[in-house]
C-alpha atoms as a PDB file:
ATOM      1  CA  MET A   1       0.000   0.000   0.000  1.00  0.00           C
ATOM      2  CA  ASN A   2       2.851   2.376   0.837  1.00  0.00           C
ATOM      3  CA  TYR A   3       4.342   1.711  -2.609  1.00  0.00           C
ATOM      4  CA  ILE A   4       1.082   2.709  -4.324  1.00  0.00           C
ATOM      5  CA  LYS A   5       0.901   5.937  -2.304  1.00  0.00           C
ATOM      6  CA  ARG A   6       4.497   6.764  -3.255  1.00  0.00           C
ATOM      7  CA  VAL A   7       3.775   6.161  -6.948  1.00  0.00           C
ATOM      8  CA  LEU A   8       0.679   8.375  -6.753  1.00  0.00           C
ATOM      9  CA  ASP A   9       2.657  11.109  -4.970  1.00  0.00           C
ATOM     10  CA  LEU A  10       5.395  11.000  -7.604  1.00  0.00           C
ATOM     11  CA  GLY A  11       2.762  11.072 -10.347  1.00  0.00           C
ATOM     12  CA  GLY A  12       1.211  14.164  -8.778  1.00  0.00           C
ATOM     13  CA  GLN A  13       4.589  15.877  -8.553  1.00  0.00           C
ATOM     14  CA  LEU A  14       5.296  15.026 -12.173  1.00  0.00           C
ATOM     15  CA  SER A  15       1.945  16.454 -13.261  1.00  0.00           C
ATOM     16  CA  LYS A  16       2.667  19.694 -11.379  1.00  0.00           C
ATOM     17  CA  GLU A  17       6.089  19.974 -13.011  1.00  0.00           C
ATOM     18  CA  ARG A  18       4.623  19.282 -16.455  1.00  0.00           C
ATOM     19  CA  ARG A  19       2.046  22.040 -15.966  1.00  0.00           C
ATOM     20  CA  LYS A  20       4.766  24.404 -14.743  1.00  0.00           C
ATOM     21  CA  VAL A  21       7.024  23.673 -17.727  1.00  0.00           C
ATOM     22  CA  ALA A  22       4.092  23.960 -20.154  1.00  0.00           C
ATOM     23  CA  GLN A  23       3.180  27.370 -18.681  1.00  0.00           C
ATOM     24  CA  GLN A  24       6.793  28.558 -18.932  1.00  0.00           C
ATOM     25  CA  LEU A  25       6.984  27.376 -22.541  1.00  0.00           C
ATOM     26  CA  ARG A  26       3.692  29.101 -23.366  1.00  0.00           C
ATOM     27  CA  ASN A  27       4.916  32.347 -21.778  1.00  0.00           C
ATOM     28  CA  HIS A  28       8.192  32.134 -23.703  1.00  0.00           C
ATOM     29  CA  ILE A  29       6.370  31.552 -27.004  1.00  0.00           C
ATOM     30  CA  VAL A  30       4.012  34.474 -26.327  1.00  0.00           C
ATOM     31  CA  ASP A  31       6.986  36.730 -25.512  1.00  0.00           C
ATOM     32  CA  GLU A  32       8.774  35.713 -28.708  1.00  0.00           C
ATOM     33  CA  ILE A  33       5.669  36.346 -30.821  1.00  0.00           C
ATOM     34  CA  GLN A  34       5.223  39.771 -29.223  1.00  0.00           C
ATOM     35  CA  ASN A  35       8.885  40.584 -29.894  1.00  0.00           C
ATOM     36  CA  LEU A  36       8.491  39.565 -33.541  1.00  0.00           C
ATOM     37  CA  GLN A  37       5.341  41.680 -33.864  1.00  0.00           C
ATOM     38  CA  MET A  38       7.199  44.672 -32.417  1.00  0.00           C
ATOM     39  CA  LYS A  39      10.059  44.139 -34.877  1.00  0.00           C
ATOM     40  CA  ASP A  40       7.555  43.917 -37.743  1.00  0.00           C
ATOM     41  CA  ALA A  41       5.877  47.116 -36.557  1.00  0.00           C
ATOM     42  CA  ASN A  42       9.240  48.887 -36.352  1.00  0.00           C
ATOM     43  CA  LEU A  43      10.129  47.744 -39.871  1.00  0.00           C
ATOM     44  CA  GLU A  44       6.774  48.945 -41.156  1.00  0.00           C
ATOM     45  CA  ILE A  45       7.313  52.349 -39.542  1.00  0.00           C
ATOM     46  CA  SER A  46      10.800  52.520 -41.042  1.00  0.00           C
ATOM     47  CA  PHE A  47       9.529  51.767 -44.534  1.00  0.00           C
ATOM     48  CA  LYS A  48       6.707  54.285 -44.234  1.00  0.00           C
ATOM     49  CA  ALA A  49       9.120  56.976 -43.084  1.00  0.00           C
ATOM     50  CA  ILE A  50      11.364  56.416 -46.111  1.00  0.00           C
ATOM     51  CA  ARG A  51       8.543  56.674 -48.612  1.00  0.00           C
END
């Protein structure tokens, strides 16, 4: 019985870590997309200023 509890505890910890890593990855992807959008906006402004 103690073995089953330990396995369930480890499974719970793993699930928490997976959620944490998934959230960090999502935040990183969102940040990168926002950075790319800002770069695109800056390029667009640069091209408009030249014309």
